[in-house]
């Protein structure tokens, strides 16, 4: 008859070994998944760069002229350190691409990129990540609707600052049919990006003198 303590020990070792293997496998799967998600996010951001600041407006490598913006940067409300990008043309400051986040979306945070010329005019806005309702709030995505193009050419003075709101709030920008919270969050985020740019424009422009 098998020794009972030895049998219990053997069973415990087998179960412990199985649990360890499962834990390692899960950790590897999670790591691989996280890496793929990060790669997809970076790929989406690279595509968005060309859309928010077209190549006709600069002649430098945007990725080579990236700079880091820290978590919690005022006005941009970043939840992680994220890069911004300096655009130049003929060696002169042409504009900047800024990351900005909206934490007041209907279904969660909305991550965006905003391109801004040296003059303070928006060259483009793209949503990088959101969880807004399909058929309603997801129209902020350029792949779903062209609503986001309404920001092109806008400045802090066009419209005047009090009208940087959706129409329902007395502003200039259309809300989406059946959805007001989402566009309101995006409008506010773009305005904040422009205000951040306005406060830091001289810092970037002075790079020309270095």
N, C-alpha and C. Protein backbone atom coordinates (compact mmCIF):
# COMPACT_ATOMS: atom_id res chain seq x y z
N UNK A 1 0.85 -1.19 0.00
CA UNK A 1 0.00 0.00 0.00
C UNK A 1 0.90 1.25 0.00
N UNK A 2 0.64 2.21 -0.91
CA UNK A 2 1.49 3.41 -1.00
C UNK A 2 1.51 4.17 0.31
N UNK A 3 2.66 4.74 0.60
CA UNK A 3 2.80 5.56 1.79
C UNK A 3 1.97 6.82 1.61
N UNK A 4 0.99 7.07 2.51
CA UNK A 4 0.03 8.17 2.34
C UNK A 4 0.73 9.54 2.34
N UNK A 5 1.63 9.83 3.28
CA UNK A 5 2.31 11.14 3.25
C UNK A 5 3.08 11.36 1.95
N UNK A 6 3.72 10.29 1.45
CA UNK A 6 4.48 10.42 0.21
C UNK A 6 3.54 10.71 -0.96
N UNK A 7 2.36 10.05 -0.96
CA UNK A 7 1.38 10.25 -2.02
C UNK A 7 0.86 11.68 -2.01
N UNK A 8 0.60 12.18 -0.80
CA UNK A 8 0.12 13.56 -0.67
C UNK A 8 1.17 14.55 -1.17
N UNK A 9 2.43 14.28 -0.80
CA UNK A 9 3.52 15.16 -1.23
C UNK A 9 3.66 15.15 -2.74
N UNK A 10 3.56 13.94 -3.34
CA UNK A 10 3.68 13.81 -4.79
C UNK A 10 2.56 14.57 -5.49
N UNK A 11 1.33 14.42 -4.96
CA UNK A 11 0.18 15.11 -5.56
C UNK A 11 0.35 16.63 -5.45
N UNK A 12 0.85 17.08 -4.30
CA UNK A 12 1.05 18.51 -4.10
C UNK A 12 2.09 19.07 -5.07
N UNK A 13 3.16 18.28 -5.27
CA UNK A 13 4.21 18.71 -6.19
C UNK A 13 3.68 18.78 -7.62
N UNK A 14 2.87 17.78 -8.00
CA UNK A 14 2.30 17.77 -9.36
C UNK A 14 1.39 18.97 -9.56
N UNK A 15 0.51 19.22 -8.57
CA UNK A 15 -0.41 20.36 -8.67
C UNK A 15 0.35 21.69 -8.68
N UNK A 16 1.37 21.76 -7.81
CA UNK A 16 2.17 22.98 -7.76
C UNK A 16 2.90 23.23 -9.07
N UNK A 17 3.45 22.16 -9.65
CA UNK A 17 4.13 22.28 -10.93
C UNK A 17 3.18 22.70 -12.04
N UNK A 18 1.98 22.12 -12.03
CA UNK A 18 0.97 22.47 -13.04
C UNK A 18 0.58 23.94 -12.90
N UNK A 19 0.38 24.40 -11.67
CA UNK A 19 0.01 25.79 -11.43
C UNK A 19 1.11 26.74 -11.90
N UNK A 20 2.37 26.33 -11.66
CA UNK A 20 3.49 27.16 -12.09
C UNK A 20 3.54 27.27 -13.61
N UNK A 21 3.35 26.13 -14.28
CA UNK A 21 3.36 26.14 -15.75
C UNK A 21 2.24 27.04 -16.29
N UNK A 22 1.05 26.90 -15.72
CA UNK A 22 -0.08 27.72 -16.16
C UNK A 22 0.21 29.21 -15.94
N UNK A 23 0.79 29.54 -14.80
CA UNK A 23 1.12 30.93 -14.49
C UNK A 23 2.13 31.50 -15.47
N UNK A 24 3.15 30.69 -15.81
CA UNK A 24 4.16 31.14 -16.77
C UNK A 24 3.54 31.35 -18.15
N UNK A 25 2.70 30.40 -18.57
CA UNK A 25 2.05 30.52 -19.87
C UNK A 25 1.18 31.76 -19.94
N UNK A 26 0.39 32.01 -18.89
CA UNK A 26 -0.47 33.19 -18.85
C UNK A 26 0.35 34.48 -18.88
N UNK A 27 1.47 34.48 -18.16
CA UNK A 27 2.32 35.67 -18.14
C UNK A 27 2.90 35.94 -19.53
N UNK A 28 3.32 34.86 -20.22
CA UNK A 28 3.87 35.02 -21.56
C UNK A 28 2.80 35.51 -22.54
N UNK A 29 1.59 34.96 -22.41
CA UNK A 29 0.49 35.38 -23.28
C UNK A 29 0.16 36.86 -23.04
N UNK A 30 0.10 37.25 -21.77
CA UNK A 30 -0.20 38.64 -21.43
C UNK A 30 0.89 39.58 -21.97
N UNK A 31 2.15 39.15 -21.85
CA UNK A 31 3.26 39.96 -22.33
C UNK A 31 3.18 40.13 -23.85
N UNK A 32 2.93 39.02 -24.54
CA UNK A 32 2.83 39.08 -26.00
C UNK A 32 1.66 39.94 -26.44
N UNK A 33 0.54 39.80 -25.73
CA UNK A 33 -0.64 40.59 -26.06
C UNK A 33 -0.38 42.08 -25.83
N UNK A 34 0.26 42.40 -24.70
CA UNK A 34 0.56 43.80 -24.39
C UNK A 34 1.49 44.40 -25.43
N UNK A 35 2.48 43.60 -25.89
CA UNK A 35 3.40 44.10 -26.90
C UNK A 35 2.68 44.35 -28.22
N UNK A 36 1.76 43.46 -28.60
CA UNK A 36 1.01 43.64 -29.85
C UNK A 36 0.12 44.87 -29.76
N UNK A 37 -0.52 45.06 -28.60
CA UNK A 37 -1.38 46.23 -28.43
C UNK A 37 -0.55 47.51 -28.55
N UNK A 38 0.63 47.53 -27.92
CA UNK A 38 1.50 48.70 -27.99
C UNK A 38 1.94 48.96 -29.42
N UNK A 39 2.30 47.89 -30.14
CA UNK A 39 2.71 48.03 -31.53
C UNK A 39 1.59 48.60 -32.38
N UNK A 40 0.36 48.13 -32.14
CA UNK A 40 -0.79 48.63 -32.89
C UNK A 40 -1.05 50.10 -32.57
N UNK A 41 -0.90 50.47 -31.30
CA UNK A 41 -1.10 51.88 -30.91
C UNK A 41 -0.06 52.77 -31.57
N UNK A 42 1.21 52.31 -31.58
CA UNK A 42 2.26 53.11 -32.19
C UNK A 42 2.06 53.23 -33.70
N UNK A 43 1.62 52.14 -34.33
CA UNK A 43 1.37 52.17 -35.77
C UNK A 43 0.25 53.15 -36.10
N UNK A 44 -0.80 53.13 -35.27
CA UNK A 44 -1.91 54.06 -35.47
C UNK A 44 -1.46 55.50 -35.30
N UNK A 45 -0.56 55.72 -34.32
CA UNK A 45 -0.07 57.07 -34.08
C UNK A 45 0.78 57.55 -35.25
N UNK A 46 1.60 56.67 -35.83
CA UNK A 46 2.42 57.07 -36.98
C UNK A 46 1.55 57.43 -38.18
N UNK A 47 0.51 56.64 -38.41
CA UNK A 47 -0.41 56.96 -39.52
C UNK A 47 -1.08 58.30 -39.28
N UNK A 48 -1.46 58.52 -38.02
CA UNK A 48 -2.16 59.76 -37.68
C UNK A 48 -1.26 60.98 -37.86
N UNK A 49 0.04 60.84 -37.65
CA UNK A 49 0.96 61.97 -37.81
C UNK A 49 0.85 62.56 -39.21
N UNK A 50 0.85 61.68 -40.20
CA UNK A 50 0.78 62.16 -41.58
C UNK A 50 -0.57 62.80 -41.90
N UNK A 51 -1.59 62.42 -41.16
CA UNK A 51 -2.91 62.97 -41.40
C UNK A 51 -3.12 64.31 -40.70
N UNK A 52 -2.57 64.45 -39.50
CA UNK A 52 -2.79 65.70 -38.76
C UNK A 52 -1.81 66.80 -39.17
N UNK A 53 -0.66 66.42 -39.75
CA UNK A 53 0.30 67.41 -40.21
C UNK A 53 0.88 66.91 -41.54
N UNK A 54 0.19 67.18 -42.65
CA UNK A 54 0.58 66.64 -43.96
C UNK A 54 2.02 66.97 -44.35
N UNK A 55 2.61 66.09 -45.15
CA UNK A 55 4.00 66.23 -45.57
C UNK A 55 4.24 67.51 -46.36
N UNK A 56 3.21 68.08 -46.96
CA UNK A 56 3.36 69.33 -47.71
C UNK A 56 3.68 70.52 -46.80
N UNK A 57 3.48 70.35 -45.49
CA UNK A 57 3.67 71.45 -44.55
C UNK A 57 5.01 71.39 -43.81
N UNK A 58 5.77 70.33 -44.01
CA UNK A 58 7.07 70.20 -43.33
C UNK A 58 7.99 69.35 -44.17
N UNK A 59 9.30 69.42 -43.88
CA UNK A 59 10.26 68.61 -44.63
C UNK A 59 11.20 67.83 -43.71
N UNK A 60 10.86 67.76 -42.43
CA UNK A 60 11.69 66.99 -41.50
C UNK A 60 11.04 65.65 -41.16
N UNK A 61 11.81 64.79 -40.52
CA UNK A 61 11.30 63.51 -40.03
C UNK A 61 10.67 63.76 -38.67
N UNK A 62 9.36 63.70 -38.61
CA UNK A 62 8.65 64.01 -37.37
C UNK A 62 9.08 63.09 -36.23
N UNK A 63 9.26 61.81 -36.54
CA UNK A 63 9.65 60.85 -35.50
C UNK A 63 11.03 61.18 -34.93
N UNK A 64 11.90 61.76 -35.76
CA UNK A 64 13.24 62.11 -35.30
C UNK A 64 13.22 63.37 -34.44
N UNK A 65 12.16 64.15 -34.55
CA UNK A 65 12.05 65.40 -33.80
C UNK A 65 10.95 65.31 -32.75
N UNK A 66 10.85 64.14 -32.15
CA UNK A 66 9.87 63.95 -31.08
C UNK A 66 10.42 64.49 -29.76
N UNK A 67 9.53 64.89 -28.88
CA UNK A 67 9.91 65.30 -27.54
C UNK A 67 8.86 64.73 -26.58
N UNK A 68 9.25 64.53 -25.34
CA UNK A 68 8.37 63.84 -24.40
C UNK A 68 7.59 64.82 -23.54
N UNK A 69 6.31 64.54 -23.40
CA UNK A 69 5.43 65.30 -22.53
C UNK A 69 5.05 64.40 -21.36
N UNK A 70 5.20 64.91 -20.16
CA UNK A 70 5.04 64.09 -18.96
C UNK A 70 3.58 63.85 -18.60
N UNK A 71 3.37 62.75 -17.93
CA UNK A 71 2.04 62.43 -17.39
C UNK A 71 1.51 63.62 -16.58
N UNK A 72 0.26 63.95 -16.83
CA UNK A 72 -0.36 65.03 -16.07
C UNK A 72 -0.04 66.42 -16.57
N UNK A 73 0.64 66.52 -17.73
CA UNK A 73 0.96 67.84 -18.28
C UNK A 73 -0.29 68.71 -18.32
N UNK A 74 -0.19 69.90 -17.75
CA UNK A 74 -1.35 70.80 -17.66
C UNK A 74 -1.99 71.01 -19.03
N UNK A 75 -3.30 71.00 -19.05
CA UNK A 75 -4.15 71.21 -20.22
C UNK A 75 -4.24 69.97 -21.12
N UNK A 76 -3.16 69.23 -21.27
CA UNK A 76 -3.21 68.05 -22.13
C UNK A 76 -3.79 66.85 -21.40
N UNK A 77 -3.71 66.85 -20.07
CA UNK A 77 -4.31 65.83 -19.21
C UNK A 77 -3.88 64.40 -19.59
N UNK A 78 -2.59 64.22 -19.78
CA UNK A 78 -2.06 62.92 -20.19
C UNK A 78 -2.01 61.94 -19.02
N UNK A 79 -2.45 60.72 -19.27
CA UNK A 79 -2.40 59.68 -18.25
C UNK A 79 -1.09 58.89 -18.31
N UNK A 80 -0.32 59.08 -19.38
CA UNK A 80 1.00 58.46 -19.51
C UNK A 80 1.92 59.47 -20.20
N UNK A 81 3.23 59.29 -20.01
CA UNK A 81 4.18 60.08 -20.79
C UNK A 81 3.93 59.79 -22.27
N UNK A 82 3.80 60.83 -23.06
CA UNK A 82 3.55 60.64 -24.48
C UNK A 82 4.37 61.64 -25.30
N UNK A 83 4.76 61.26 -26.52
CA UNK A 83 5.57 62.17 -27.33
C UNK A 83 4.73 63.21 -28.05
N UNK A 84 5.32 64.41 -28.19
CA UNK A 84 4.84 65.41 -29.12
C UNK A 84 5.85 65.47 -30.25
N UNK A 85 5.54 66.18 -31.32
CA UNK A 85 6.43 66.19 -32.48
C UNK A 85 6.58 67.61 -33.02
N UNK A 86 7.84 68.01 -33.27
CA UNK A 86 8.13 69.31 -33.85
C UNK A 86 8.19 69.17 -35.37
N UNK A 87 7.51 70.05 -36.08
CA UNK A 87 7.57 70.09 -37.54
C UNK A 87 8.39 71.30 -37.97
N UNK A 88 9.29 71.10 -38.93
CA UNK A 88 10.09 72.21 -39.45
C UNK A 88 10.04 72.20 -40.98
N UNK A 89 10.31 73.36 -41.54
CA UNK A 89 10.38 73.49 -42.99
C UNK A 89 11.54 74.44 -43.31
N UNK A 90 12.47 73.96 -44.11
CA UNK A 90 13.67 74.74 -44.42
C UNK A 90 14.39 75.18 -43.15
N UNK A 91 14.35 74.32 -42.14
CA UNK A 91 15.04 74.58 -40.89
C UNK A 91 14.32 75.52 -39.94
N UNK A 92 13.15 75.95 -40.31
CA UNK A 92 12.37 76.87 -39.49
C UNK A 92 11.20 76.15 -38.84
N UNK A 93 10.81 76.59 -37.66
CA UNK A 93 9.69 76.00 -36.95
C UNK A 93 8.41 76.16 -37.78
N UNK A 94 7.78 75.04 -38.09
CA UNK A 94 6.56 75.05 -38.90
C UNK A 94 5.31 74.75 -38.09
N UNK A 95 5.49 74.05 -36.98
CA UNK A 95 4.34 73.70 -36.17
C UNK A 95 4.65 72.55 -35.23
N UNK A 96 3.63 72.01 -34.65
CA UNK A 96 3.80 70.96 -33.65
C UNK A 96 2.61 70.03 -33.68
N UNK A 97 2.83 68.81 -33.29
CA UNK A 97 1.76 67.84 -33.11
C UNK A 97 1.72 67.47 -31.64
N UNK A 98 0.56 67.66 -31.03
CA UNK A 98 0.42 67.43 -29.59
C UNK A 98 -0.55 66.30 -29.28
N UNK A 99 -0.20 65.46 -28.31
CA UNK A 99 -1.16 64.49 -27.81
C UNK A 99 -2.05 65.18 -26.78
N UNK A 100 -3.29 64.82 -26.72
CA UNK A 100 -4.19 65.37 -25.71
C UNK A 100 -5.22 64.30 -25.39
N UNK A 101 -5.73 64.32 -24.17
CA UNK A 101 -6.72 63.33 -23.76
C UNK A 101 -7.97 64.00 -23.21
N UNK A 102 -9.10 63.38 -23.48
CA UNK A 102 -10.37 63.81 -22.91
C UNK A 102 -10.84 62.72 -21.96
N UNK A 103 -11.06 63.08 -20.71
CA UNK A 103 -11.49 62.10 -19.71
C UNK A 103 -12.98 62.21 -19.42
N UNK A 104 -13.67 63.00 -20.24
CA UNK A 104 -15.11 63.19 -20.03
C UNK A 104 -15.92 62.67 -21.21
N UNK A 105 -15.38 61.66 -21.90
CA UNK A 105 -16.15 61.01 -22.96
C UNK A 105 -17.31 60.22 -22.38
N UNK A 106 -18.22 59.81 -23.20
CA UNK A 106 -19.41 59.09 -22.74
C UNK A 106 -19.04 57.71 -22.20
N UNK A 107 -18.08 57.05 -22.85
CA UNK A 107 -17.74 55.67 -22.46
C UNK A 107 -16.30 55.52 -22.00
N UNK A 108 -15.65 56.63 -21.70
CA UNK A 108 -14.28 56.52 -21.21
C UNK A 108 -13.38 57.55 -21.84
N UNK A 109 -12.07 57.36 -21.63
CA UNK A 109 -11.08 58.31 -22.13
C UNK A 109 -11.00 58.29 -23.65
N UNK A 110 -10.67 59.45 -24.22
CA UNK A 110 -10.47 59.60 -25.65
C UNK A 110 -9.08 60.17 -25.86
N UNK A 111 -8.24 59.47 -26.63
CA UNK A 111 -6.88 59.92 -26.92
C UNK A 111 -6.83 60.50 -28.32
N UNK A 112 -6.24 61.71 -28.44
CA UNK A 112 -6.19 62.39 -29.72
C UNK A 112 -4.80 62.92 -30.03
N UNK A 113 -4.59 63.24 -31.31
CA UNK A 113 -3.44 64.00 -31.77
C UNK A 113 -3.97 65.25 -32.44
N UNK A 114 -3.33 66.39 -32.16
CA UNK A 114 -3.74 67.67 -32.75
C UNK A 114 -2.53 68.30 -33.42
N UNK A 115 -2.63 68.58 -34.71
CA UNK A 115 -1.57 69.27 -35.44
C UNK A 115 -1.85 70.76 -35.45
N UNK A 116 -0.83 71.56 -35.18
CA UNK A 116 -1.01 73.02 -35.10
C UNK A 116 0.15 73.71 -35.81
N UNK A 117 -0.18 74.60 -36.76
CA UNK A 117 0.83 75.39 -37.45
C UNK A 117 1.44 76.41 -36.51
N UNK A 118 2.61 76.94 -36.89
CA UNK A 118 3.27 77.97 -36.09
C UNK A 118 2.36 79.18 -35.89
N UNK A 119 1.45 79.41 -36.84
CA UNK A 119 0.52 80.53 -36.75
C UNK A 119 -0.59 80.29 -35.74
N UNK A 120 -0.72 79.04 -35.26
CA UNK A 120 -1.77 78.71 -34.31
C UNK A 120 -3.00 78.12 -34.95
N UNK A 121 -2.91 77.76 -36.21
CA UNK A 121 -4.05 77.19 -36.94
C UNK A 121 -3.98 75.66 -36.92
N UNK A 122 -5.11 75.02 -36.69
CA UNK A 122 -5.16 73.56 -36.64
C UNK A 122 -4.99 72.98 -38.04
N UNK A 123 -4.04 72.05 -38.18
CA UNK A 123 -3.85 71.36 -39.45
C UNK A 123 -4.64 70.06 -39.52
N UNK A 124 -5.00 69.53 -38.38
CA UNK A 124 -5.77 68.30 -38.36
C UNK A 124 -5.89 67.74 -36.96
N UNK A 125 -6.93 66.96 -36.76
CA UNK A 125 -7.16 66.28 -35.48
C UNK A 125 -7.55 64.84 -35.80
N UNK A 126 -6.99 63.91 -35.06
CA UNK A 126 -7.37 62.51 -35.23
C UNK A 126 -7.52 61.85 -33.85
N UNK A 127 -8.50 60.98 -33.76
CA UNK A 127 -8.72 60.19 -32.55
C UNK A 127 -7.91 58.91 -32.66
N UNK A 128 -7.06 58.66 -31.67
CA UNK A 128 -6.23 57.46 -31.67
C UNK A 128 -6.91 56.30 -30.97
N UNK A 129 -7.68 56.62 -29.94
CA UNK A 129 -8.30 55.55 -29.15
C UNK A 129 -9.56 56.07 -28.47
N UNK A 130 -10.60 55.27 -28.50
CA UNK A 130 -11.85 55.64 -27.81
C UNK A 130 -12.68 54.38 -27.60
N UNK A 131 -13.70 54.50 -26.78
CA UNK A 131 -14.63 53.40 -26.55
C UNK A 131 -16.07 53.91 -26.65
N UNK A 132 -16.26 54.90 -27.51
CA UNK A 132 -17.58 55.51 -27.63
C UNK A 132 -18.56 54.58 -28.36
N UNK A 133 -19.84 54.85 -28.19
CA UNK A 133 -20.90 53.96 -28.67
C UNK A 133 -20.93 53.87 -30.20
N UNK A 134 -20.85 52.66 -30.75
CA UNK A 134 -20.94 52.50 -32.21
C UNK A 134 -22.24 53.08 -32.75
N UNK A 135 -22.12 53.81 -33.86
CA UNK A 135 -23.30 54.40 -34.48
C UNK A 135 -23.66 55.75 -33.91
N UNK A 136 -23.03 56.13 -32.79
CA UNK A 136 -23.32 57.43 -32.16
C UNK A 136 -22.00 58.17 -31.93
N UNK A 137 -21.41 57.95 -30.76
CA UNK A 137 -20.18 58.66 -30.42
C UNK A 137 -18.98 58.27 -31.26
N UNK A 138 -19.02 57.10 -31.91
CA UNK A 138 -17.85 56.69 -32.68
C UNK A 138 -17.67 57.50 -33.96
N UNK A 139 -18.58 58.42 -34.23
CA UNK A 139 -18.45 59.27 -35.42
C UNK A 139 -17.33 60.29 -35.27
N UNK A 140 -16.68 60.34 -34.12
CA UNK A 140 -15.49 61.16 -33.97
C UNK A 140 -14.31 60.53 -34.69
N UNK A 141 -14.44 59.25 -35.06
CA UNK A 141 -13.40 58.51 -35.76
C UNK A 141 -13.50 58.81 -37.25
N UNK A 142 -12.40 59.25 -37.88
CA UNK A 142 -12.40 59.61 -39.29
C UNK A 142 -12.79 58.43 -40.18
N UNK A 143 -12.60 57.21 -39.70
CA UNK A 143 -12.97 56.03 -40.49
C UNK A 143 -14.48 55.81 -40.49
N UNK A 144 -15.19 56.53 -39.62
CA UNK A 144 -16.64 56.38 -39.51
C UNK A 144 -17.37 57.59 -40.07
N UNK A 145 -16.83 58.78 -39.81
CA UNK A 145 -17.50 60.01 -40.21
C UNK A 145 -16.45 61.11 -40.38
N UNK A 146 -16.79 62.17 -41.12
CA UNK A 146 -15.84 63.26 -41.33
C UNK A 146 -16.03 64.41 -40.35
N UNK A 147 -16.77 64.19 -39.26
CA UNK A 147 -17.03 65.24 -38.28
C UNK A 147 -15.75 65.90 -37.78
N UNK A 148 -14.71 65.11 -37.58
CA UNK A 148 -13.46 65.61 -37.00
C UNK A 148 -12.78 66.65 -37.88
N UNK A 149 -13.12 66.68 -39.17
CA UNK A 149 -12.50 67.63 -40.09
C UNK A 149 -12.94 69.06 -39.84
N UNK A 150 -13.98 69.24 -39.04
CA UNK A 150 -14.47 70.59 -38.74
C UNK A 150 -13.45 71.43 -37.99
N UNK A 151 -12.43 70.81 -37.42
CA UNK A 151 -11.40 71.55 -36.68
C UNK A 151 -10.33 72.13 -37.60
N UNK A 152 -10.22 71.63 -38.82
CA UNK A 152 -9.17 72.09 -39.73
C UNK A 152 -9.26 73.60 -39.95
N UNK A 153 -8.14 74.28 -39.76
CA UNK A 153 -8.09 75.72 -39.98
C UNK A 153 -8.55 76.56 -38.81
N UNK A 154 -9.03 75.93 -37.77
CA UNK A 154 -9.53 76.68 -36.60
C UNK A 154 -8.37 77.19 -35.75
N UNK A 155 -8.62 78.27 -35.01
CA UNK A 155 -7.65 78.84 -34.09
C UNK A 155 -8.37 79.21 -32.80
N UNK A 156 -7.63 79.70 -31.82
CA UNK A 156 -8.28 80.13 -30.58
C UNK A 156 -9.18 81.33 -30.81
N UNK A 157 -8.95 82.07 -31.91
CA UNK A 157 -9.82 83.21 -32.22
C UNK A 157 -10.87 82.89 -33.26
N UNK A 158 -10.83 81.72 -33.81
CA UNK A 158 -11.78 81.30 -34.84
C UNK A 158 -12.26 79.88 -34.56
N UNK A 159 -13.37 79.74 -33.81
CA UNK A 159 -14.24 80.81 -33.32
C UNK A 159 -13.67 81.47 -32.07
N UNK A 160 -14.26 82.58 -31.63
CA UNK A 160 -13.85 83.18 -30.36
C UNK A 160 -13.94 82.15 -29.25
N UNK A 161 -13.08 82.29 -28.25
CA UNK A 161 -12.96 81.30 -27.19
C UNK A 161 -14.31 80.87 -26.57
N UNK A 162 -15.24 81.81 -26.29
CA UNK A 162 -16.51 81.38 -25.68
C UNK A 162 -17.34 80.45 -26.58
N UNK A 163 -17.04 80.45 -27.88
CA UNK A 163 -17.80 79.60 -28.79
C UNK A 163 -17.08 78.29 -29.14
N UNK A 164 -16.00 78.02 -28.39
CA UNK A 164 -15.36 76.71 -28.53
C UNK A 164 -16.17 75.68 -27.74
N UNK A 165 -17.38 75.45 -28.19
CA UNK A 165 -18.31 74.52 -27.58
C UNK A 165 -19.18 73.93 -28.68
N UNK A 166 -19.95 72.90 -28.33
CA UNK A 166 -20.90 72.37 -29.29
C UNK A 166 -22.10 73.31 -29.37
N UNK A 167 -22.86 73.21 -30.45
CA UNK A 167 -23.99 74.10 -30.69
C UNK A 167 -24.97 74.09 -29.51
N UNK A 168 -25.21 72.91 -28.95
CA UNK A 168 -26.16 72.79 -27.85
C UNK A 168 -25.76 73.65 -26.66
N UNK A 169 -24.45 73.90 -26.50
CA UNK A 169 -23.96 74.71 -25.38
C UNK A 169 -23.74 76.16 -25.79
N UNK A 170 -24.22 76.52 -26.99
CA UNK A 170 -24.07 77.88 -27.47
C UNK A 170 -22.80 78.10 -28.26
N UNK A 171 -22.18 77.01 -28.71
CA UNK A 171 -20.92 77.11 -29.43
C UNK A 171 -21.05 76.96 -30.93
N UNK A 172 -19.92 76.72 -31.57
CA UNK A 172 -19.78 76.71 -33.03
C UNK A 172 -19.83 75.31 -33.63
N UNK A 173 -19.52 74.30 -32.84
CA UNK A 173 -19.30 72.97 -33.39
C UNK A 173 -20.54 72.08 -33.27
N UNK A 174 -20.85 71.40 -34.36
CA UNK A 174 -22.01 70.52 -34.38
C UNK A 174 -21.83 69.37 -33.40
N UNK A 175 -22.90 69.02 -32.71
CA UNK A 175 -22.88 67.78 -31.96
C UNK A 175 -23.28 66.66 -32.92
N UNK A 176 -23.08 65.44 -32.50
CA UNK A 176 -23.44 64.29 -33.32
C UNK A 176 -24.88 63.90 -33.04
N UNK A 177 -25.56 63.43 -34.06
CA UNK A 177 -26.94 63.01 -33.88
C UNK A 177 -27.05 61.95 -32.80
N UNK A 178 -27.80 62.25 -31.76
CA UNK A 178 -27.98 61.30 -30.66
C UNK A 178 -26.84 61.26 -29.68
N UNK A 179 -25.84 62.13 -29.87
CA UNK A 179 -24.68 62.12 -28.97
C UNK A 179 -24.14 63.54 -28.81
N UNK A 180 -24.11 64.00 -27.58
CA UNK A 180 -23.58 65.33 -27.29
C UNK A 180 -22.34 65.26 -26.41
N UNK A 181 -22.32 64.31 -25.49
CA UNK A 181 -21.22 64.20 -24.53
C UNK A 181 -19.89 63.97 -25.24
N UNK A 182 -19.87 63.08 -26.22
CA UNK A 182 -18.64 62.75 -26.91
C UNK A 182 -18.05 63.93 -27.67
N UNK A 183 -18.81 64.58 -28.57
CA UNK A 183 -18.23 65.74 -29.27
C UNK A 183 -17.87 66.88 -28.33
N UNK A 184 -18.62 67.05 -27.25
CA UNK A 184 -18.29 68.08 -26.27
C UNK A 184 -16.89 67.82 -25.69
N UNK A 185 -16.62 66.56 -25.38
CA UNK A 185 -15.31 66.20 -24.81
C UNK A 185 -14.18 66.46 -25.81
N UNK A 186 -14.43 66.14 -27.08
CA UNK A 186 -13.39 66.34 -28.11
C UNK A 186 -13.15 67.82 -28.36
N UNK A 187 -14.22 68.61 -28.46
CA UNK A 187 -14.07 70.06 -28.66
C UNK A 187 -13.25 70.66 -27.53
N UNK A 188 -13.55 70.30 -26.30
CA UNK A 188 -12.82 70.82 -25.16
C UNK A 188 -11.35 70.40 -25.20
N UNK A 189 -11.09 69.17 -25.63
CA UNK A 189 -9.72 68.67 -25.69
C UNK A 189 -8.91 69.43 -26.74
N UNK A 190 -9.49 69.67 -27.90
CA UNK A 190 -8.79 70.40 -28.96
C UNK A 190 -8.52 71.84 -28.51
N UNK A 191 -9.49 72.46 -27.87
CA UNK A 191 -9.29 73.81 -27.36
C UNK A 191 -8.13 73.84 -26.35
N UNK A 192 -8.07 72.84 -25.46
CA UNK A 192 -7.00 72.79 -24.48
C UNK A 192 -5.64 72.64 -25.15
N UNK A 193 -5.58 71.84 -26.23
CA UNK A 193 -4.34 71.66 -26.97
C UNK A 193 -3.89 72.99 -27.58
N UNK A 194 -4.83 73.75 -28.12
CA UNK A 194 -4.50 75.05 -28.69
C UNK A 194 -4.01 76.02 -27.61
N UNK A 195 -4.63 75.97 -26.45
CA UNK A 195 -4.21 76.84 -25.36
C UNK A 195 -2.81 76.46 -24.87
N UNK A 196 -2.53 75.16 -24.81
CA UNK A 196 -1.20 74.70 -24.42
C UNK A 196 -0.17 75.17 -25.44
N UNK A 197 -0.51 75.06 -26.72
CA UNK A 197 0.38 75.53 -27.78
C UNK A 197 0.64 77.03 -27.64
N UNK A 198 -0.41 77.78 -27.40
CA UNK A 198 -0.28 79.23 -27.30
C UNK A 198 0.67 79.62 -26.17
N UNK A 199 0.63 78.88 -25.08
CA UNK A 199 1.48 79.18 -23.93
C UNK A 199 2.94 78.77 -24.15
N UNK A 200 3.17 77.82 -25.07
CA UNK A 200 4.52 77.28 -25.26
C UNK A 200 5.09 77.56 -26.64
N UNK A 201 4.37 78.31 -27.47
CA UNK A 201 4.80 78.57 -28.84
C UNK A 201 6.22 79.14 -28.90
N UNK A 202 6.52 80.12 -28.05
CA UNK A 202 7.83 80.76 -28.09
C UNK A 202 8.95 79.76 -27.81
N UNK A 203 8.70 78.81 -26.92
CA UNK A 203 9.71 77.80 -26.57
C UNK A 203 10.10 77.00 -27.80
N UNK A 204 9.11 76.56 -28.58
CA UNK A 204 9.39 75.77 -29.77
C UNK A 204 9.97 76.65 -30.89
N UNK A 205 9.44 77.84 -31.05
CA UNK A 205 9.91 78.73 -32.11
C UNK A 205 11.35 79.14 -31.89
N UNK A 206 11.76 79.28 -30.63
CA UNK A 206 13.12 79.71 -30.32
C UNK A 206 14.16 78.66 -30.62
N UNK A 207 13.73 77.45 -30.94
CA UNK A 207 14.69 76.42 -31.35
C UNK A 207 15.45 76.85 -32.60
N UNK A 208 14.82 77.72 -33.42
CA UNK A 208 15.45 78.19 -34.65
C UNK A 208 16.72 78.99 -34.36
N UNK A 209 16.72 79.62 -33.18
CA UNK A 209 17.85 80.48 -32.84
C UNK A 209 18.99 79.73 -32.20
N UNK A 210 18.73 78.46 -31.83
CA UNK A 210 19.77 77.68 -31.15
C UNK A 210 20.90 77.29 -32.09
